[in-house]
N, C-alpha and C. Protein backbone atom coordinates (compact mmCIF):
# COMPACT_ATOMS: atom_id res chain seq x y z
N MET A 1 3.13 12.39 -5.18
CA MET A 1 3.80 11.93 -3.98
C MET A 1 5.31 11.92 -4.23
N ALA A 2 6.05 12.47 -3.32
CA ALA A 2 7.50 12.50 -3.45
C ALA A 2 8.09 11.11 -3.26
N ASP A 3 9.23 10.89 -3.91
CA ASP A 3 9.89 9.58 -3.79
C ASP A 3 10.19 9.22 -2.34
N THR A 4 10.58 10.19 -1.55
CA THR A 4 10.90 9.92 -0.15
C THR A 4 9.65 9.53 0.65
N ASP A 5 8.52 10.12 0.29
CA ASP A 5 7.26 9.76 0.96
C ASP A 5 6.88 8.32 0.64
N LEU A 6 7.01 7.93 -0.62
CA LEU A 6 6.68 6.56 -1.01
C LEU A 6 7.65 5.57 -0.36
N ALA A 7 8.93 5.90 -0.33
CA ALA A 7 9.91 5.02 0.33
C ALA A 7 9.56 4.86 1.81
N ALA A 8 9.12 5.92 2.46
CA ALA A 8 8.73 5.86 3.87
C ALA A 8 7.50 4.97 4.06
N GLN A 9 6.54 5.05 3.13
CA GLN A 9 5.36 4.19 3.22
C GLN A 9 5.73 2.72 3.04
N ILE A 10 6.67 2.45 2.15
CA ILE A 10 7.12 1.07 1.94
C ILE A 10 7.81 0.56 3.20
N LYS A 11 8.64 1.39 3.80
CA LYS A 11 9.33 0.98 5.02
C LYS A 11 8.33 0.72 6.15
N THR A 12 7.28 1.51 6.21
CA THR A 12 6.22 1.28 7.21
C THR A 12 5.56 -0.07 6.98
N ALA A 13 5.31 -0.41 5.73
CA ALA A 13 4.72 -1.71 5.41
C ALA A 13 5.68 -2.84 5.76
N LEU A 14 6.97 -2.64 5.52
CA LEU A 14 7.96 -3.67 5.85
C LEU A 14 8.08 -3.88 7.37
N ALA A 15 7.66 -2.91 8.14
CA ALA A 15 7.69 -3.04 9.60
C ALA A 15 6.69 -4.09 10.08
N ARG A 16 5.71 -4.42 9.24
CA ARG A 16 4.73 -5.45 9.61
C ARG A 16 5.18 -6.85 9.22
N VAL A 17 6.33 -6.97 8.58
CA VAL A 17 6.86 -8.27 8.16
C VAL A 17 7.83 -8.77 9.22
N GLU A 18 7.46 -9.86 9.90
CA GLU A 18 8.33 -10.44 10.93
C GLU A 18 9.43 -11.26 10.26
N ILE A 19 10.61 -11.22 10.84
CA ILE A 19 11.73 -11.99 10.30
C ILE A 19 12.09 -13.11 11.28
N PRO A 20 12.66 -14.21 10.76
CA PRO A 20 13.07 -15.30 11.65
C PRO A 20 14.05 -14.79 12.70
N GLY A 21 13.87 -15.21 13.90
CA GLY A 21 14.73 -14.79 15.00
C GLY A 21 14.19 -13.57 15.73
N GLY A 22 13.08 -13.03 15.25
CA GLY A 22 12.49 -11.87 15.91
C GLY A 22 12.80 -10.57 15.20
N GLY A 23 11.99 -9.61 15.44
CA GLY A 23 12.17 -8.31 14.82
C GLY A 23 11.33 -8.17 13.56
N ASP A 24 11.51 -7.03 12.89
CA ASP A 24 10.77 -6.80 11.66
C ASP A 24 11.73 -6.41 10.54
N LEU A 25 11.23 -6.47 9.33
CA LEU A 25 12.08 -6.23 8.17
C LEU A 25 12.51 -4.78 8.04
N ALA A 26 11.70 -3.86 8.49
CA ALA A 26 12.04 -2.44 8.36
C ALA A 26 13.27 -2.06 9.18
N THR A 27 13.46 -2.69 10.33
CA THR A 27 14.60 -2.36 11.19
C THR A 27 15.76 -3.34 11.03
N TYR A 28 15.60 -4.32 10.16
CA TYR A 28 16.64 -5.32 9.94
C TYR A 28 17.85 -4.68 9.25
N ALA A 29 19.03 -4.92 9.77
CA ALA A 29 20.26 -4.31 9.23
C ALA A 29 20.56 -4.77 7.81
N GLY A 30 20.01 -5.89 7.39
CA GLY A 30 20.26 -6.40 6.05
C GLY A 30 19.36 -5.81 4.98
N LEU A 31 18.50 -4.87 5.34
CA LEU A 31 17.64 -4.20 4.37
C LEU A 31 18.41 -3.05 3.75
N SER A 32 18.44 -3.02 2.42
CA SER A 32 19.15 -1.94 1.74
C SER A 32 18.31 -0.66 1.73
N GLU A 33 18.86 0.35 1.13
CA GLU A 33 18.11 1.58 0.89
C GLU A 33 16.93 1.27 -0.04
N ILE A 34 15.83 1.91 0.15
CA ILE A 34 14.67 1.74 -0.73
C ILE A 34 14.78 2.81 -1.81
N ILE A 35 14.88 2.36 -3.06
CA ILE A 35 15.07 3.27 -4.18
C ILE A 35 13.75 3.35 -4.96
N VAL A 36 13.27 4.57 -5.15
CA VAL A 36 12.03 4.80 -5.89
C VAL A 36 12.35 5.64 -7.12
N THR A 37 11.96 5.12 -8.29
CA THR A 37 12.11 5.85 -9.54
C THR A 37 10.73 5.93 -10.18
N PRO A 38 10.57 6.71 -11.23
CA PRO A 38 9.25 6.79 -11.87
C PRO A 38 8.73 5.44 -12.38
N GLY A 39 9.62 4.51 -12.71
CA GLY A 39 9.17 3.23 -13.26
C GLY A 39 9.40 2.02 -12.39
N ALA A 40 10.01 2.19 -11.21
CA ALA A 40 10.32 1.00 -10.40
C ALA A 40 10.59 1.38 -8.95
N ILE A 41 10.46 0.37 -8.12
CA ILE A 41 10.83 0.47 -6.71
C ILE A 41 11.78 -0.70 -6.46
N ALA A 42 12.89 -0.44 -5.79
CA ALA A 42 13.85 -1.51 -5.57
C ALA A 42 14.42 -1.44 -4.16
N PHE A 43 14.65 -2.63 -3.61
CA PHE A 43 15.40 -2.77 -2.36
C PHE A 43 15.90 -4.20 -2.32
N ALA A 44 16.90 -4.42 -1.50
CA ALA A 44 17.48 -5.75 -1.37
C ALA A 44 17.45 -6.16 0.09
N ILE A 45 17.41 -7.48 0.30
CA ILE A 45 17.43 -8.02 1.65
C ILE A 45 18.56 -9.04 1.72
N ALA A 46 19.52 -8.80 2.57
CA ALA A 46 20.61 -9.75 2.77
C ALA A 46 20.17 -10.76 3.83
N VAL A 47 20.33 -12.03 3.51
CA VAL A 47 19.90 -13.08 4.44
C VAL A 47 21.10 -13.50 5.29
N ALA A 48 20.96 -13.35 6.58
CA ALA A 48 22.02 -13.70 7.52
C ALA A 48 21.98 -15.18 7.85
N THR A 49 23.09 -15.71 8.31
CA THR A 49 23.15 -17.10 8.74
C THR A 49 22.11 -17.34 9.82
N GLY A 50 21.40 -18.44 9.70
CA GLY A 50 20.39 -18.77 10.69
C GLY A 50 19.00 -18.24 10.35
N MET A 51 18.89 -17.49 9.26
CA MET A 51 17.58 -16.94 8.90
C MET A 51 16.83 -17.83 7.92
N LYS A 52 17.46 -18.89 7.46
CA LYS A 52 16.78 -19.78 6.52
C LYS A 52 15.66 -20.51 7.24
N PRO A 53 14.61 -20.85 6.50
CA PRO A 53 13.52 -21.59 7.14
C PRO A 53 14.02 -22.93 7.66
N PRO A 54 13.33 -23.52 8.63
CA PRO A 54 13.79 -24.76 9.23
C PRO A 54 13.88 -25.94 8.27
N SER A 55 13.11 -25.92 7.20
CA SER A 55 13.19 -27.02 6.24
C SER A 55 13.89 -26.55 4.99
N ALA A 56 14.58 -27.46 4.34
CA ALA A 56 15.30 -27.13 3.11
C ALA A 56 14.31 -26.98 1.97
N PRO A 57 14.68 -26.25 0.94
CA PRO A 57 13.80 -26.11 -0.22
C PRO A 57 13.50 -27.47 -0.85
N LEU A 58 12.38 -27.57 -1.51
CA LEU A 58 11.99 -28.84 -2.13
C LEU A 58 13.04 -29.34 -3.10
N ALA A 59 13.70 -28.46 -3.79
CA ALA A 59 14.68 -28.89 -4.78
C ALA A 59 15.80 -29.71 -4.15
N THR A 60 16.15 -29.43 -2.90
CA THR A 60 17.22 -30.19 -2.26
C THR A 60 16.72 -31.47 -1.63
N LYS A 61 15.40 -31.61 -1.51
CA LYS A 61 14.84 -32.81 -0.89
C LYS A 61 14.45 -33.88 -1.91
N ARG A 62 14.53 -33.56 -3.19
CA ARG A 62 14.11 -34.52 -4.20
C ARG A 62 14.97 -35.76 -4.16
N LYS A 63 14.33 -36.86 -4.37
CA LYS A 63 15.06 -38.12 -4.44
C LYS A 63 15.47 -38.34 -5.88
N LYS A 64 16.47 -39.18 -6.06
CA LYS A 64 16.90 -39.52 -7.42
C LYS A 64 15.75 -40.26 -8.10
N PRO A 65 15.59 -40.06 -9.40
CA PRO A 65 14.52 -40.75 -10.08
C PRO A 65 14.68 -42.27 -9.99
N ARG A 66 13.58 -42.93 -9.84
CA ARG A 66 13.61 -44.39 -9.76
C ARG A 66 13.80 -44.99 -11.14
N LYS A 67 14.49 -46.09 -11.16
CA LYS A 67 14.62 -46.83 -12.42
C LYS A 67 13.37 -47.68 -12.57
N PRO A 68 12.90 -47.83 -13.82
CA PRO A 68 11.71 -48.66 -14.00
C PRO A 68 11.99 -50.10 -13.58
N SER A 69 11.00 -50.72 -13.02
CA SER A 69 11.18 -52.11 -12.61
C SER A 69 11.32 -52.99 -13.85
N ALA A 70 11.86 -54.17 -13.67
CA ALA A 70 12.07 -55.09 -14.79
C ALA A 70 10.74 -55.44 -15.46
N ALA A 71 9.67 -55.52 -14.69
CA ALA A 71 8.36 -55.86 -15.25
C ALA A 71 7.87 -54.75 -16.18
N LEU A 72 8.14 -53.50 -15.84
CA LEU A 72 7.69 -52.39 -16.68
C LEU A 72 8.58 -52.19 -17.90
N ALA A 73 9.82 -52.62 -17.80
CA ALA A 73 10.77 -52.41 -18.87
C ALA A 73 10.50 -53.33 -20.07
N ARG A 74 9.70 -54.38 -19.89
CA ARG A 74 9.45 -55.32 -21.00
C ARG A 74 8.57 -54.77 -22.04
């Protein structure tokens, strides 16, 4: 299979991925060129403002660790 054929198949698969705000990943302007080499396939996706999920990642929602109560500290 030629590299261009495989890149086209990947782009077809990306057309089934919906992006926030509507549309699909294959036609999204933030999708880079799909690069196919004998050992790897690479592409990048630039995330535009407003495309983040509605909730923040868990890492930003963590609370500060609690200090042990005086009863446990004894």
